[in-house]
Amino acid sequence: MEGISIAKLLIIGALIVLLFGTNKLRSLGGDLGSAIKGFKKAMSEDDTSAKRTPAADEKPVEQVVHKD
């Protein structure tokens, strides 16, 4: 077993196109692309908000001294 060759990948691709059709694959690709863009946007917004206000959420810690 040598692995997956280019010819095998082309045959698999042709079968997928025959099963689903080009319109279905095009809409699936568009949906996947928009999902990835939304994920990247949410990650960048989360990073900027985390960098902007890390100290605002922290409360000062009070030290308690016990006298024995």
Protein backbone atom coordinates (compact mmCIF):
# COMPACT_ATOMS: atom_id res chain seq x y z
CA MET A 1 0.00 0.00 0.00
CA GLU A 2 1.68 3.14 -1.23
CA GLY A 3 -0.84 5.72 -0.03
CA ILE A 4 -3.17 8.01 -1.92
CA SER A 5 -2.00 9.06 -5.37
CA ILE A 6 -3.13 11.99 -7.50
CA ALA A 7 -5.22 9.68 -9.69
CA LYS A 8 -7.10 8.33 -6.68
CA LEU A 9 -7.77 11.84 -5.40
CA LEU A 10 -9.15 12.87 -8.81
CA ILE A 11 -11.47 9.86 -8.88
CA ILE A 12 -12.71 10.62 -5.36
CA GLY A 13 -13.26 14.28 -6.30
CA ALA A 14 -15.23 13.29 -9.41
CA LEU A 15 -17.44 10.96 -7.36
CA ILE A 16 -18.14 13.72 -4.83
CA VAL A 17 -19.12 16.13 -7.61
CA LEU A 18 -21.42 13.51 -9.14
CA LEU A 19 -23.07 12.75 -5.81
CA PHE A 20 -23.65 16.29 -4.54
CA GLY A 21 -23.57 18.47 -7.64
CA THR A 22 -21.62 21.66 -8.18
CA ASN A 23 -24.27 24.02 -6.74
CA LYS A 24 -24.42 22.14 -3.45
CA LEU A 25 -20.61 22.08 -3.18
CA ARG A 26 -20.38 25.80 -4.00
CA SER A 27 -22.88 26.72 -1.29
CA LEU A 28 -21.14 24.41 1.17
CA GLY A 29 -17.81 26.11 0.43
CA GLY A 30 -19.35 29.55 0.91
CA ASP A 31 -20.88 28.53 4.23
CA LEU A 32 -17.58 27.10 5.41
CA GLY A 33 -15.70 30.24 4.38
CA SER A 34 -18.11 32.55 6.20
CA ALA A 35 -17.91 30.37 9.31
CA ILE A 36 -14.12 30.59 9.31
CA LYS A 37 -14.23 34.38 8.83
CA GLY A 38 -16.66 34.72 11.73
CA PHE A 39 -14.46 32.56 13.94
CA LYS A 40 -11.34 34.61 13.12
CA LYS A 41 -13.23 37.85 13.78
CA ALA A 42 -14.46 36.61 17.16
CA MET A 43 -10.97 35.47 18.13
CA SER A 44 -9.42 38.82 17.20
CA GLU A 45 -12.12 40.73 19.11
CA ASP A 46 -11.52 38.52 22.15
CA ASP A 47 -7.75 39.10 21.98
CA THR A 48 -8.13 42.89 21.74
CA SER A 49 -10.57 43.04 24.65
CA ALA A 50 -8.29 40.86 26.77
CA LYS A 51 -5.29 43.07 26.04
CA ARG A 52 -7.23 46.28 26.62
CA THR A 53 -8.63 45.71 30.14
CA PRO A 54 -6.78 43.03 32.10
CA ALA A 55 -6.22 45.18 35.20
CA ALA A 56 -9.73 46.62 35.33
CA ASP A 57 -11.22 43.24 36.27
CA GLU A 58 -8.71 42.50 39.03
CA LYS A 59 -9.42 43.58 42.60
CA PRO A 60 -6.59 44.45 44.98
CA VAL A 61 -5.71 41.70 47.39
CA GLU A 62 -5.81 42.64 51.05
CA GLN A 63 -3.21 41.18 53.30
CA VAL A 64 -4.40 39.77 56.59
CA VAL A 65 -1.94 39.75 59.48
CA HIS A 66 -2.68 37.39 62.36
CA LYS A 67 -1.46 38.42 65.80
CA ASP A 68 -0.75 35.48 68.06
